[in-house]
């Protein structure tokens, strides 16, 4: 199901080449503003195609302990683990989103760039 233009090898190479121009270096303002409205710190939150996962770091540092980040390539997960070493390693999911199981349901999925990072043929399935 992996398309060479949007699959694991493609994204791994982008990370290795530091070709991550989409990365703003901090939690996006609209998502940060939304997160600031959340009062239930027990929410199970998934961030697919997490990239540098600044939103996950923000959530974690603000008391959310059930945050899971997923990416098809290990590069961003490794970088996140180095940046936020206290983040639970079992919540770093090296997985294809479309084959991910949650052992339950997510209360919230935070979307920033994953929709545009997947093969357009997969977008209906993602939605």
PDB file of N, CA and C in Angstrom:
ATOM      1  N   UNK A   1       0.822  -1.187   0.000  1.00  0.00           N
ATOM      2  CA  UNK A   1       0.000   0.000   0.000  1.00  0.00           C
ATOM      3  C   UNK A   1       0.868   1.253   0.000  1.00  0.00           C
ATOM      4  N   UNK A   2       2.148   1.098   0.198  1.00  0.00           N
ATOM      5  CA  UNK A   2       3.036   2.241   0.295  1.00  0.00           C
ATOM      6  C   UNK A   2       3.356   2.792  -1.086  1.00  0.00           C
ATOM      7  N   UNK A   3       3.187   4.079  -1.266  1.00  0.00           N
ATOM      8  CA  UNK A   3       3.530   4.773  -2.493  1.00  0.00           C
ATOM      9  C   UNK A   3       4.940   5.331  -2.314  1.00  0.00           C
ATOM     10  N   UNK A   4       5.805   5.141  -3.297  1.00  0.00           N
ATOM     11  CA  UNK A   4       7.184   5.607  -3.178  1.00  0.00           C
ATOM     12  C   UNK A   4       7.279   7.095  -2.894  1.00  0.00           C
ATOM     13  N   UNK A   5       6.302   7.875  -3.356  1.00  0.00           N
ATOM     14  CA  UNK A   5       6.341   9.312  -3.123  1.00  0.00           C
ATOM     15  C   UNK A   5       5.914   9.696  -1.713  1.00  0.00           C
ATOM     16  N   UNK A   6       5.266   8.807  -0.997  1.00  0.00           N
ATOM     17  CA  UNK A   6       4.755   9.143   0.330  1.00  0.00           C
ATOM     18  C   UNK A   6       5.019   8.047   1.358  1.00  0.00           C
ATOM     19  N   UNK A   7       5.892   7.109   1.049  1.00  0.00           N
ATOM     20  CA  UNK A   7       6.117   5.974   1.931  1.00  0.00           C
ATOM     21  C   UNK A   7       7.278   6.174   2.884  1.00  0.00           C
ATOM     22  N   UNK A   8       7.585   5.123   3.589  1.00  0.00           N
ATOM     23  CA  UNK A   8       8.617   5.144   4.623  1.00  0.00           C
ATOM     24  C   UNK A   8       9.969   5.623   4.084  1.00  0.00           C
ATOM     25  N   UNK A   9      10.395   5.080   2.957  1.00  0.00           N
ATOM     26  CA  UNK A   9      11.702   5.461   2.409  1.00  0.00           C
ATOM     27  C   UNK A   9      11.740   6.935   2.046  1.00  0.00           C
ATOM     28  N   UNK A  10      10.667   7.425   1.454  1.00  0.00           N
ATOM     29  CA  UNK A  10      10.583   8.841   1.073  1.00  0.00           C
ATOM     30  C   UNK A  10      10.748   9.736   2.300  1.00  0.00           C
ATOM     31  N   UNK A  11       9.958   9.454   3.363  1.00  0.00           N
ATOM     32  CA  UNK A  11       9.998  10.310   4.551  1.00  0.00           C
ATOM     33  C   UNK A  11      11.294  10.140   5.329  1.00  0.00           C
ATOM     34  N   UNK A  12      11.836   8.936   5.381  1.00  0.00           N
ATOM     35  CA  UNK A  12      13.116   8.730   6.051  1.00  0.00           C
ATOM     36  C   UNK A  12      14.196   9.568   5.389  1.00  0.00           C
ATOM     37  N   UNK A  13      14.213   9.563   4.069  1.00  0.00           N
ATOM     38  CA  UNK A  13      15.224  10.342   3.350  1.00  0.00           C
ATOM     39  C   UNK A  13      15.030  11.836   3.577  1.00  0.00           C
ATOM     40  N   UNK A  14      13.796  12.288   3.621  1.00  0.00           N
ATOM     41  CA  UNK A  14      13.534  13.719   3.894  1.00  0.00           C
ATOM     42  C   UNK A  14      14.132  14.113   5.247  1.00  0.00           C
ATOM     43  N   UNK A  15      13.942  13.265   6.267  1.00  0.00           N
ATOM     44  CA  UNK A  15      14.491  13.559   7.593  1.00  0.00           C
ATOM     45  C   UNK A  15      16.015  13.528   7.577  1.00  0.00           C
ATOM     46  N   UNK A  16      16.586  12.531   6.927  1.00  0.00           N
ATOM     47  CA  UNK A  16      18.047  12.419   6.883  1.00  0.00           C
ATOM     48  C   UNK A  16      18.678  13.584   6.136  1.00  0.00           C
ATOM     49  N   UNK A  17      17.970  14.094   5.121  1.00  0.00           N
ATOM     50  CA  UNK A  17      18.469  15.228   4.339  1.00  0.00           C
ATOM     51  C   UNK A  17      18.141  16.575   4.980  1.00  0.00           C
ATOM     52  N   UNK A  18      17.490  16.548   6.121  1.00  0.00           N
ATOM     53  CA  UNK A  18      17.021  17.776   6.798  1.00  0.00           C
ATOM     54  C   UNK A  18      16.129  18.600   5.879  1.00  0.00           C
ATOM     55  N   UNK A  19      15.350  17.904   5.087  1.00  0.00           N
ATOM     56  CA  UNK A  19      14.419  18.548   4.157  1.00  0.00           C
ATOM     57  C   UNK A  19      13.027  18.565   4.789  1.00  0.00           C
ATOM     58  N   UNK A  20      12.919  19.364   5.839  1.00  0.00           N
ATOM     59  CA  UNK A  20      11.684  19.428   6.627  1.00  0.00           C
ATOM     60  C   UNK A  20      11.214  20.886   6.708  1.00  0.00           C
ATOM     61  N   UNK A  21      10.990  21.474   5.578  1.00  0.00           N
ATOM     62  CA  UNK A  21      10.629  22.897   5.523  1.00  0.00           C
ATOM     63  C   UNK A  21       9.264  23.183   6.130  1.00  0.00           C
ATOM     64  N   UNK A  22       8.463  22.149   6.369  1.00  0.00           N
ATOM     65  CA  UNK A  22       7.156  22.339   6.985  1.00  0.00           C
ATOM     66  C   UNK A  22       7.281  22.590   8.483  1.00  0.00           C
ATOM     67  N   UNK A  23       8.442  22.304   9.051  1.00  0.00           N
ATOM     68  CA  UNK A  23       8.652  22.365  10.493  1.00  0.00           C
ATOM     69  C   UNK A  23       8.804  23.811  10.947  1.00  0.00           C
ATOM     70  N   UNK A  24       7.857  24.288  11.776  1.00  0.00           N
ATOM     71  CA  UNK A  24       7.918  25.679  12.239  1.00  0.00           C
ATOM     72  C   UNK A  24       8.731  25.835  13.526  1.00  0.00           C
ATOM     73  N   UNK A  25       9.064  24.724  14.182  1.00  0.00           N
ATOM     74  CA  UNK A  25       9.934  24.787  15.342  1.00  0.00           C
ATOM     75  C   UNK A  25       9.245  24.987  16.684  1.00  0.00           C
ATOM     76  N   UNK A  26       7.933  24.965  16.702  1.00  0.00           N
ATOM     77  CA  UNK A  26       7.162  25.144  17.938  1.00  0.00           C
ATOM     78  C   UNK A  26       5.740  24.657  17.670  1.00  0.00           C
ATOM     79  N   UNK A  27       4.921  24.509  18.724  1.00  0.00           N
ATOM     80  CA  UNK A  27       3.534  24.079  18.490  1.00  0.00           C
ATOM     81  C   UNK A  27       2.799  25.123  17.646  1.00  0.00           C
ATOM     82  N   UNK A  28       2.063  24.670  16.667  1.00  0.00           N
ATOM     83  CA  UNK A  28       1.331  25.632  15.840  1.00  0.00           C
ATOM     84  C   UNK A  28       0.341  26.395  16.718  1.00  0.00           C
ATOM     85  N   UNK A  29       0.185  27.663  16.442  1.00  0.00           N
ATOM     86  CA  UNK A  29      -0.667  28.519  17.268  1.00  0.00           C
ATOM     87  C   UNK A  29      -2.103  28.017  17.358  1.00  0.00           C
ATOM     88  N   UNK A  30      -2.756  27.635  16.243  1.00  0.00           N
ATOM     89  CA  UNK A  30      -4.135  27.151  16.374  1.00  0.00           C
ATOM     90  C   UNK A  30      -4.244  25.894  17.252  1.00  0.00           C
ATOM     91  N   UNK A  31      -3.300  24.964  17.119  1.00  0.00           N
ATOM     92  CA  UNK A  31      -3.354  23.757  17.958  1.00  0.00           C
ATOM     93  C   UNK A  31      -3.032  24.085  19.412  1.00  0.00           C
ATOM     94  N   UNK A  32      -2.063  24.958  19.644  1.00  0.00           N
ATOM     95  CA  UNK A  32      -1.744  25.359  21.015  1.00  0.00           C
ATOM     96  C   UNK A  32      -2.970  26.020  21.655  1.00  0.00           C
ATOM     97  N   UNK A  33      -3.620  26.911  20.920  1.00  0.00           N
ATOM     98  CA  UNK A  33      -4.815  27.574  21.452  1.00  0.00           C
ATOM     99  C   UNK A  33      -5.908  26.554  21.764  1.00  0.00           C
ATOM    100  N   UNK A  34      -6.067  25.559  20.894  1.00  0.00           N
ATOM    101  CA  UNK A  34      -7.059  24.509  21.143  1.00  0.00           C
ATOM    102  C   UNK A  34      -6.675  23.693  22.381  1.00  0.00           C
ATOM    103  N   UNK A  35      -5.419  23.299  22.461  1.00  0.00           N
ATOM    104  CA  UNK A  35      -4.938  22.515  23.607  1.00  0.00           C
ATOM    105  C   UNK A  35      -5.206  23.267  24.909  1.00  0.00           C
ATOM    106  N   UNK A  36      -5.007  24.563  24.884  1.00  0.00           N
ATOM    107  CA  UNK A  36      -5.216  25.370  26.087  1.00  0.00           C
ATOM    108  C   UNK A  36      -6.665  25.361  26.564  1.00  0.00           C
ATOM    109  N   UNK A  37      -7.601  24.932  25.712  1.00  0.00           N
ATOM    110  CA  UNK A  37      -9.006  24.846  26.124  1.00  0.00           C
ATOM    111  C   UNK A  37      -9.340  23.496  26.754  1.00  0.00           C
ATOM    112  N   UNK A  38      -8.445  22.519  26.619  1.00  0.00           N
ATOM    113  CA  UNK A  38      -8.700  21.172  27.130  1.00  0.00           C
ATOM    114  C   UNK A  38      -8.531  21.129  28.641  1.00  0.00           C
ATOM    115  N   UNK A  39      -9.499  20.562  29.322  1.00  0.00           N
ATOM    116  CA  UNK A  39      -9.417  20.472  30.773  1.00  0.00           C
ATOM    117  C   UNK A  39      -9.220  19.041  31.267  1.00  0.00           C
ATOM    118  N   UNK A  40      -9.576  18.064  30.453  1.00  0.00           N
ATOM    119  CA  UNK A  40      -9.451  16.660  30.849  1.00  0.00           C
ATOM    120  C   UNK A  40      -8.058  16.140  30.494  1.00  0.00           C
ATOM    121  N   UNK A  41      -7.201  16.060  31.487  1.00  0.00           N
ATOM    122  CA  UNK A  41      -5.818  15.623  31.271  1.00  0.00           C
ATOM    123  C   UNK A  41      -5.712  14.112  31.065  1.00  0.00           C
ATOM    124  N   UNK A  42      -6.840  13.396  31.180  1.00  0.00           N
ATOM    125  CA  UNK A  42      -6.853  11.942  31.006  1.00  0.00           C
ATOM    126  C   UNK A  42      -7.172  11.527  29.570  1.00  0.00           C
ATOM    127  N   UNK A  43      -7.382  12.475  28.693  1.00  0.00           N
ATOM    128  CA  UNK A  43      -7.690  12.153  27.293  1.00  0.00           C
ATOM    129  C   UNK A  43      -6.582  11.296  26.686  1.00  0.00           C
ATOM    130  N   UNK A  44      -6.993  10.311  25.867  1.00  0.00           N
ATOM    131  CA  UNK A  44      -6.038   9.531  25.057  1.00  0.00           C
ATOM    132  C   UNK A  44      -5.925  10.261  23.728  1.00  0.00           C
ATOM    133  N   UNK A  45      -4.735  10.810  23.483  1.00  0.00           N
ATOM    134  CA  UNK A  45      -4.519  11.680  22.318  1.00  0.00           C
ATOM    135  C   UNK A  45      -3.496  11.044  21.392  1.00  0.00           C
ATOM    136  N   UNK A  46      -3.810  11.025  20.108  1.00  0.00           N
ATOM    137  CA  UNK A  46      -2.897  10.532  19.077  1.00  0.00           C
ATOM    138  C   UNK A  46      -2.529  11.673  18.150  1.00  0.00           C
ATOM    139  N   UNK A  47      -1.241  11.736  17.811  1.00  0.00           N
ATOM    140  CA  UNK A  47      -0.770  12.671  16.792  1.00  0.00           C
ATOM    141  C   UNK A  47      -0.123  11.833  15.696  1.00  0.00           C
ATOM    142  N   UNK A  48      -0.852  11.624  14.574  1.00  0.00           N
ATOM    143  CA  UNK A  48      -0.310  10.810  13.480  1.00  0.00           C
ATOM    144  C   UNK A  48       0.638  11.626  12.600  1.00  0.00           C
ATOM    145  N   UNK A  49       1.632  10.951  12.034  1.00  0.00           N
ATOM    146  CA  UNK A  49       2.591  11.666  11.197  1.00  0.00           C
ATOM    147  C   UNK A  49       3.188  12.805  12.000  1.00  0.00           C
ATOM    148  N   UNK A  50       3.682  12.473  13.174  1.00  0.00           N
ATOM    149  CA  UNK A  50       3.975  13.456  14.224  1.00  0.00           C
ATOM    150  C   UNK A  50       5.094  14.437  13.910  1.00  0.00           C
ATOM    151  N   UNK A  51       6.025  14.079  13.018  1.00  0.00           N
ATOM    152  CA  UNK A  51       7.143  14.982  12.795  1.00  0.00           C
ATOM    153  C   UNK A  51       7.867  15.251  14.104  1.00  0.00           C
ATOM    154  N   UNK A  52       8.245  16.481  14.351  1.00  0.00           N
ATOM    155  CA  UNK A  52       8.947  16.821  15.593  1.00  0.00           C
ATOM    156  C   UNK A  52       8.028  16.885  16.802  1.00  0.00           C
ATOM    157  N   UNK A  53       6.737  16.795  16.582  1.00  0.00           N
ATOM    158  CA  UNK A  53       5.748  16.640  17.657  1.00  0.00           C
ATOM    159  C   UNK A  53       5.832  17.708  18.743  1.00  0.00           C
ATOM    160  N   UNK A  54       5.964  18.937  18.335  1.00  0.00           N
ATOM    161  CA  UNK A  54       6.004  20.020  19.322  1.00  0.00           C
ATOM    162  C   UNK A  54       4.702  20.085  20.122  1.00  0.00           C
ATOM    163  N   UNK A  55       3.594  19.740  19.475  1.00  0.00           N
ATOM    164  CA  UNK A  55       2.306  19.727  20.180  1.00  0.00           C
ATOM    165  C   UNK A  55       2.290  18.650  21.258  1.00  0.00           C
ATOM    166  N   UNK A  56       2.882  17.492  20.971  1.00  0.00           N
ATOM    167  CA  UNK A  56       2.952  16.423  21.969  1.00  0.00           C
ATOM    168  C   UNK A  56       3.809  16.856  23.153  1.00  0.00           C
ATOM    169  N   UNK A  57       4.901  17.505  22.881  1.00  0.00           N
ATOM    170  CA  UNK A  57       5.748  18.010  23.966  1.00  0.00           C
ATOM    171  C   UNK A  57       4.973  19.021  24.815  1.00  0.00           C
ATOM    172  N   UNK A  58       4.256  19.923  24.159  1.00  0.00           N
ATOM    173  CA  UNK A  58       3.467  20.924  24.870  1.00  0.00           C
ATOM    174  C   UNK A  58       2.405  20.245  25.742  1.00  0.00           C
ATOM    175  N   UNK A  59       1.701  19.277  25.168  1.00  0.00           N
ATOM    176  CA  UNK A  59       0.698  18.537  25.931  1.00  0.00           C
ATOM    177  C   UNK A  59       1.339  17.861  27.147  1.00  0.00           C
ATOM    178  N   UNK A  60       2.420  17.149  26.921  1.00  0.00           N
ATOM    179  CA  UNK A  60       3.085  16.398  27.978  1.00  0.00           C
ATOM    180  C   UNK A  60       3.562  17.324  29.092  1.00  0.00           C
ATOM    181  N   UNK A  61       4.161  18.432  28.724  1.00  0.00           N
ATOM    182  CA  UNK A  61       4.677  19.373  29.719  1.00  0.00           C
ATOM    183  C   UNK A  61       3.546  20.084  30.472  1.00  0.00           C
ATOM    184  N   UNK A  62       2.321  19.972  29.943  1.00  0.00           N
ATOM    185  CA  UNK A  62       1.163  20.568  30.596  1.00  0.00           C
ATOM    186  C   UNK A  62       0.273  19.519  31.250  1.00  0.00           C
ATOM    187  N   UNK A  63       0.841  18.368  31.552  1.00  0.00           N
ATOM    188  CA  UNK A  63       0.158  17.379  32.379  1.00  0.00           C
ATOM    189  C   UNK A  63      -0.638  16.307  31.670  1.00  0.00           C
ATOM    190  N   UNK A  64      -0.655  16.298  30.352  1.00  0.00           N
ATOM    191  CA  UNK A  64      -1.343  15.235  29.609  1.00  0.00           C
ATOM    192  C   UNK A  64      -0.399  14.042  29.522  1.00  0.00           C
ATOM    193  N   UNK A  65      -0.805  12.913  30.074  1.00  0.00           N
ATOM    194  CA  UNK A  65       0.079  11.753  30.163  1.00  0.00           C
ATOM    195  C   UNK A  65      -0.297  10.620  29.221  1.00  0.00           C
ATOM    196  N   UNK A  66      -1.374  10.771  28.474  1.00  0.00           N
ATOM    197  CA  UNK A  66      -1.812   9.722  27.550  1.00  0.00           C
ATOM    198  C   UNK A  66      -1.726  10.217  26.113  1.00  0.00           C
ATOM    199  N   UNK A  67      -0.577  10.764  25.791  1.00  0.00           N
ATOM    200  CA  UNK A  67      -0.313  11.291  24.449  1.00  0.00           C
ATOM    201  C   UNK A  67       0.534  10.264  23.713  1.00  0.00           C
ATOM    202  N   UNK A  68       0.115   9.934  22.504  1.00  0.00           N
ATOM    203  CA  UNK A  68       0.832   8.974  21.667  1.00  0.00           C
ATOM    204  C   UNK A  68       1.180   9.669  20.364  1.00  0.00           C
ATOM    205  N   UNK A  69       2.414   9.477  19.923  1.00  0.00           N
ATOM    206  CA  UNK A  69       2.809  10.048  18.642  1.00  0.00           C
ATOM    207  C   UNK A  69       3.208   8.904  17.718  1.00  0.00           C
ATOM    208  N   UNK A  70       2.819   9.034  16.469  1.00  0.00           N
ATOM    209  CA  UNK A  70       3.075   7.967  15.501  1.00  0.00           C
ATOM    210  C   UNK A  70       3.725   8.535  14.250  1.00  0.00           C
ATOM    211  N   UNK A  71       4.656   7.788  13.725  1.00  0.00           N
ATOM    212  CA  UNK A  71       5.259   8.149  12.452  1.00  0.00           C
ATOM    213  C   UNK A  71       5.714   6.883  11.747  1.00  0.00           C
ATOM    214  N   UNK A  72       5.695   6.937  10.437  1.00  0.00           N
ATOM    215  CA  UNK A  72       6.076   5.791   9.620  1.00  0.00           C
ATOM    216  C   UNK A  72       7.591   5.591   9.598  1.00  0.00           C
ATOM    217  N   UNK A  73       8.318   6.640   9.937  1.00  0.00           N
ATOM    218  CA  UNK A  73       9.775   6.552   9.975  1.00  0.00           C
ATOM    219  C   UNK A  73      10.280   6.829  11.389  1.00  0.00           C
ATOM    220  N   UNK A  74      11.400   6.246  11.732  1.00  0.00           N
ATOM    221  CA  UNK A  74      11.931   6.361  13.093  1.00  0.00           C
ATOM    222  C   UNK A  74      12.611   7.694  13.382  1.00  0.00           C
ATOM    223  N   UNK A  75      13.078   8.368  12.350  1.00  0.00           N
ATOM    224  CA  UNK A  75      13.850   9.600  12.547  1.00  0.00           C
ATOM    225  C   UNK A  75      13.174  10.611  13.478  1.00  0.00           C
ATOM    226  N   UNK A  76      11.948  11.028  13.217  1.00  0.00           N
ATOM    227  CA  UNK A  76      11.344  12.026  14.110  1.00  0.00           C
ATOM    228  C   UNK A  76      11.093  11.489  15.516  1.00  0.00           C
ATOM    229  N   UNK A  77      10.791  10.214  15.632  1.00  0.00           N
ATOM    230  CA  UNK A  77      10.574   9.620  16.949  1.00  0.00           C
ATOM    231  C   UNK A  77      11.856   9.633  17.775  1.00  0.00           C
ATOM    232  N   UNK A  78      12.976   9.325  17.135  1.00  0.00           N
ATOM    233  CA  UNK A  78      14.266   9.352  17.826  1.00  0.00           C
ATOM    234  C   UNK A  78      14.615  10.770  18.257  1.00  0.00           C
ATOM    235  N   UNK A  79      14.378  11.722  17.386  1.00  0.00           N
ATOM    236  CA  UNK A  79      14.675  13.119  17.715  1.00  0.00           C
ATOM    237  C   UNK A  79      13.806  13.597  18.874  1.00  0.00           C
ATOM    238  N   UNK A  80      12.533  13.209  18.846  1.00  0.00           N
ATOM    239  CA  UNK A  80      11.631  13.586  19.928  1.00  0.00           C
ATOM    240  C   UNK A  80      12.095  12.968  21.249  1.00  0.00           C
ATOM    241  N   UNK A  81      12.472  11.695  21.221  1.00  0.00           N
ATOM    242  CA  UNK A  81      12.925  11.004  22.431  1.00  0.00           C
ATOM    243  C   UNK A  81      14.173  11.668  23.013  1.00  0.00           C
ATOM    244  N   UNK A  82      15.033  12.181  22.167  1.00  0.00           N
ATOM    245  CA  UNK A  82      16.220  12.891  22.647  1.00  0.00           C
ATOM    246  C   UNK A  82      15.839  14.249  23.244  1.00  0.00           C
ATOM    247  N   UNK A  83      14.883  14.925  22.626  1.00  0.00           N
ATOM    248  CA  UNK A  83      14.461  16.250  23.083  1.00  0.00           C
ATOM    249  C   UNK A  83      13.626  16.178  24.355  1.00  0.00           C
ATOM    250  N   UNK A  84      12.806  15.110  24.478  1.00  0.00           N
ATOM    251  CA  UNK A  84      11.913  14.950  25.632  1.00  0.00           C
ATOM    252  C   UNK A  84      12.151  13.557  26.221  1.00  0.00           C
ATOM    253  N   UNK A  85      13.301  13.359  26.870  1.00  0.00           N
ATOM    254  CA  UNK A  85      13.673  12.013  27.330  1.00  0.00           C
ATOM    255  C   UNK A  85      12.724  11.419  28.369  1.00  0.00           C
ATOM    256  N   UNK A  86      11.973  12.237  29.069  1.00  0.00           N
ATOM    257  CA  UNK A  86      11.055  11.720  30.086  1.00  0.00           C
ATOM    258  C   UNK A  86       9.721  11.245  29.501  1.00  0.00           C
ATOM    259  N   UNK A  87       9.489  11.485  28.220  1.00  0.00           N
ATOM    260  CA  UNK A  87       8.265  11.034  27.558  1.00  0.00           C
ATOM    261  C   UNK A  87       8.277   9.503  27.497  1.00  0.00           C
ATOM    262  N   UNK A  88       7.174   8.844  27.836  1.00  0.00           N
ATOM    263  CA  UNK A  88       7.152   7.367  27.839  1.00  0.00           C
ATOM    264  C   UNK A  88       7.477   6.768  26.464  1.00  0.00           C
ATOM    265  N   UNK A  89       8.469   5.910  26.442  1.00  0.00           N
ATOM    266  CA  UNK A  89       8.915   5.303  25.174  1.00  0.00           C
ATOM    267  C   UNK A  89       7.829   4.452  24.529  1.00  0.00           C
ATOM    268  N   UNK A  90       6.951   3.849  25.341  1.00  0.00           N
ATOM    269  CA  UNK A  90       5.898   3.017  24.759  1.00  0.00           C
ATOM    270  C   UNK A  90       4.781   3.856  24.127  1.00  0.00           C
ATOM    271  N   UNK A  91       4.903   5.165  24.198  1.00  0.00           N
ATOM    272  CA  UNK A  91       3.932   6.051  23.550  1.00  0.00           C
ATOM    273  C   UNK A  91       4.508   6.668  22.275  1.00  0.00           C
ATOM    274  N   UNK A  92       5.695   6.213  21.894  1.00  0.00           N
ATOM    275  CA  UNK A  92       6.312   6.567  20.623  1.00  0.00           C
ATOM    276  C   UNK A  92       6.033   5.407  19.673  1.00  0.00           C
ATOM    277  N   UNK A  93       5.166   5.620  18.724  1.00  0.00           N
ATOM    278  CA  UNK A  93       4.696   4.536  17.863  1.00  0.00           C
ATOM    279  C   UNK A  93       5.325   4.611  16.475  1.00  0.00           C
ATOM    280  N   UNK A  94       6.246   3.705  16.222  1.00  0.00           N
ATOM    281  CA  UNK A  94       6.832   3.602  14.887  1.00  0.00           C
ATOM    282  C   UNK A  94       5.909   2.693  14.090  1.00  0.00           C
ATOM    283  N   UNK A  95       4.994   3.317  13.351  1.00  0.00           N
ATOM    284  CA  UNK A  95       3.955   2.528  12.689  1.00  0.00           C
ATOM    285  C   UNK A  95       3.355   3.275  11.515  1.00  0.00           C
ATOM    286  N   UNK A  96       2.810   2.501  10.606  1.00  0.00           N
ATOM    287  CA  UNK A  96       1.985   3.026   9.528  1.00  0.00           C
ATOM    288  C   UNK A  96       0.612   3.303  10.143  1.00  0.00           C
ATOM    289  N   UNK A  97       0.158   4.518  10.074  1.00  0.00           N
ATOM    290  CA  UNK A  97      -1.116   4.904  10.678  1.00  0.00           C
ATOM    291  C   UNK A  97      -2.238   3.942  10.284  1.00  0.00           C
ATOM    292  N   UNK A  98      -2.244   3.507   9.035  1.00  0.00           N
ATOM    293  CA  UNK A  98      -3.331   2.675   8.532  1.00  0.00           C
ATOM    294  C   UNK A  98      -3.282   1.241   9.065  1.00  0.00           C
ATOM    295  N   UNK A  99      -2.223   0.898   9.754  1.00  0.00           N
ATOM    296  CA  UNK A  99      -2.129  -0.417  10.382  1.00  0.00           C
ATOM    297  C   UNK A  99      -2.030  -0.306  11.900  1.00  0.00           C
ATOM    298  N   UNK A 100      -2.249   0.880  12.401  1.00  0.00           N
ATOM    299  CA  UNK A 100      -2.139   1.147  13.828  1.00  0.00           C
ATOM    300  C   UNK A 100      -3.371   0.662  14.582  1.00  0.00           C
ATOM    301  N   UNK A 101      -3.130   0.017  15.685  1.00  0.00           N
ATOM    302  CA  UNK A 101      -4.229  -0.346  16.575  1.00  0.00           C
ATOM    303  C   UNK A 101      -4.017   0.403  17.878  1.00  0.00           C
ATOM    304  N   UNK A 102      -5.091   0.796  18.511  1.00  0.00           N
ATOM    305  CA  UNK A 102      -4.964   1.639  19.698  1.00  0.00           C
ATOM    306  C   UNK A 102      -5.236   0.912  21.002  1.00  0.00           C
ATOM    307  N   UNK A 103      -5.558  -0.372  20.932  1.00  0.00           N
ATOM    308  CA  UNK A 103      -5.956  -1.091  22.145  1.00  0.00           C
ATOM    309  C   UNK A 103      -7.060  -0.321  22.856  1.00  0.00           C
ATOM    310  N   UNK A 104      -7.955   0.173  22.102  1.00  0.00           N
ATOM    311  CA  UNK A 104      -9.028   1.007  22.616  1.00  0.00           C
ATOM    312  C   UNK A 104      -9.277   2.110  21.616  1.00  0.00           C
ATOM    313  N   UNK A 105      -9.863   3.151  22.059  1.00  0.00           N
ATOM    314  CA  UNK A 105     -10.134   4.258  21.151  1.00  0.00           C
ATOM    315  C   UNK A 105      -9.393   5.487  21.599  1.00  0.00           C
ATOM    316  N   UNK A 106      -9.131   6.345  20.643  1.00  0.00           N
ATOM    317  CA  UNK A 106      -8.538   7.643  20.938  1.00  0.00           C
ATOM    318  C   UNK A 106      -9.681   8.594  21.278  1.00  0.00           C
ATOM    319  N   UNK A 107      -9.459   9.434  22.245  1.00  0.00           N
ATOM    320  CA  UNK A 107     -10.434  10.476  22.549  1.00  0.00           C
ATOM    321  C   UNK A 107     -10.269  11.652  21.603  1.00  0.00           C
ATOM    322  N   UNK A 108      -9.044  11.818  21.122  1.00  0.00           N
ATOM    323  CA  UNK A 108      -8.725  12.979  20.287  1.00  0.00           C
ATOM    324  C   UNK A 108      -7.570  12.632  19.367  1.00  0.00           C
ATOM    325  N   UNK A 109      -7.684  13.001  18.118  1.00  0.00           N
ATOM    326  CA  UNK A 109      -6.565  12.902  17.175  1.00  0.00           C
ATOM    327  C   UNK A 109      -6.248  14.330  16.744  1.00  0.00           C
ATOM    328  N   UNK A 110      -5.015  14.742  16.994  1.00  0.00           N
ATOM    329  CA  UNK A 110      -4.591  16.084  16.588  1.00  0.00           C
ATOM    330  C   UNK A 110      -3.932  15.997  15.225  1.00  0.00           C
ATOM    331  N   UNK A 111      -4.450  16.744  14.309  1.00  0.00           N
ATOM    332  CA  UNK A 111      -4.005  16.729  12.917  1.00  0.00           C
ATOM    333  C   UNK A 111      -3.367  18.065  12.576  1.00  0.00           C
ATOM    334  N   UNK A 112      -2.175  17.997  12.040  1.00  0.00           N
ATOM    335  CA  UNK A 112      -1.558  19.222  11.550  1.00  0.00           C
ATOM    336  C   UNK A 112      -1.159  19.068  10.088  1.00  0.00           C
ATOM    337  N   UNK A 113      -0.289  18.126   9.797  1.00  0.00           N
ATOM    338  CA  UNK A 113       0.203  17.999   8.424  1.00  0.00           C
ATOM    339  C   UNK A 113       0.052  16.598   7.843  1.00  0.00           C
ATOM    340  N   UNK A 114      -0.490  15.676   8.608  1.00  0.00           N
ATOM    341  CA  UNK A 114      -0.549  14.295   8.138  1.00  0.00           C
ATOM    342  C   UNK A 114      -1.403  14.144   6.879  1.00  0.00           C
ATOM    343  N   UNK A 115      -2.529  14.823   6.823  1.00  0.00           N
ATOM    344  CA  UNK A 115      -3.426  14.714   5.674  1.00  0.00           C
ATOM    345  C   UNK A 115      -2.700  15.027   4.369  1.00  0.00           C
ATOM    346  N   UNK A 116      -1.875  16.063   4.376  1.00  0.00           N
ATOM    347  CA  UNK A 116      -1.178  16.433   3.139  1.00  0.00           C
ATOM    348  C   UNK A 116       0.093  15.614   2.921  1.00  0.00           C
ATOM    349  N   UNK A 117       0.496  14.823   3.925  1.00  0.00           N
ATOM    350  CA  UNK A 117       1.716  14.031   3.813  1.00  0.00           C
ATOM    351  C   UNK A 117       1.468  12.614   3.322  1.00  0.00           C
ATOM    352  N   UNK A 118       0.206  12.239   3.176  1.00  0.00           N
ATOM    353  CA  UNK A 118      -0.091  10.883   2.711  1.00  0.00           C
ATOM    354  C   UNK A 118      -0.498  10.911   1.248  1.00  0.00           C
ATOM    355  N   UNK A 119      -0.408   9.763   0.636  1.00  0.00           N
ATOM    356  CA  UNK A 119      -0.828   9.613  -0.756  1.00  0.00           C
ATOM    357  C   UNK A 119      -2.279  10.096  -0.875  1.00  0.00           C
ATOM    358  N   UNK A 120      -2.567  10.988  -1.810  1.00  0.00           N
ATOM    359  CA  UNK A 120      -3.941  11.481  -1.965  1.00  0.00           C
ATOM    360  C   UNK A 120      -4.976  10.368  -2.112  1.00  0.00           C
ATOM    361  N   UNK A 121      -4.579   9.222  -2.643  1.00  0.00           N
ATOM    362  CA  UNK A 121      -5.502   8.098  -2.775  1.00  0.00           C
ATOM    363  C   UNK A 121      -5.928   7.540  -1.417  1.00  0.00           C
ATOM    364  N   UNK A 122      -5.160   7.837  -0.363  1.00  0.00           N
ATOM    365  CA  UNK A 122      -5.446   7.323   0.976  1.00  0.00           C
ATOM    366  C   UNK A 122      -6.245   8.310   1.834  1.00  0.00           C
ATOM    367  N   UNK A 123      -6.486   9.482   1.322  1.00  0.00           N
ATOM    368  CA  UNK A 123      -7.118  10.524   2.153  1.00  0.00           C
ATOM    369  C   UNK A 123      -8.542  10.170   2.566  1.00  0.00           C
ATOM    370  N   UNK A 124      -9.320   9.574   1.688  1.00  0.00           N
ATOM    371  CA  UNK A 124     -10.668   9.173   2.090  1.00  0.00           C
ATOM    372  C   UNK A 124     -10.622   8.138   3.207  1.00  0.00           C
ATOM    373  N   UNK A 125      -9.684   7.205   3.113  1.00  0.00           N
ATOM    374  CA  UNK A 125      -9.548   6.182   4.149  1.00  0.00           C
ATOM    375  C   UNK A 125      -9.135   6.826   5.476  1.00  0.00           C
ATOM    376  N   UNK A 126      -8.268   7.819   5.417  1.00  0.00           N
ATOM    377  CA  UNK A 126      -7.828   8.507   6.632  1.00  0.00           C
ATOM    378  C   UNK A 126      -9.006   9.219   7.311  1.00  0.00           C
ATOM    379  N   UNK A 127      -9.787   9.918   6.503  1.00  0.00           N
ATOM    380  CA  UNK A 127     -10.942  10.634   7.060  1.00  0.00           C
ATOM    381  C   UNK A 127     -11.908   9.661   7.665  1.00  0.00           C
TER     382      UNK A 127
END
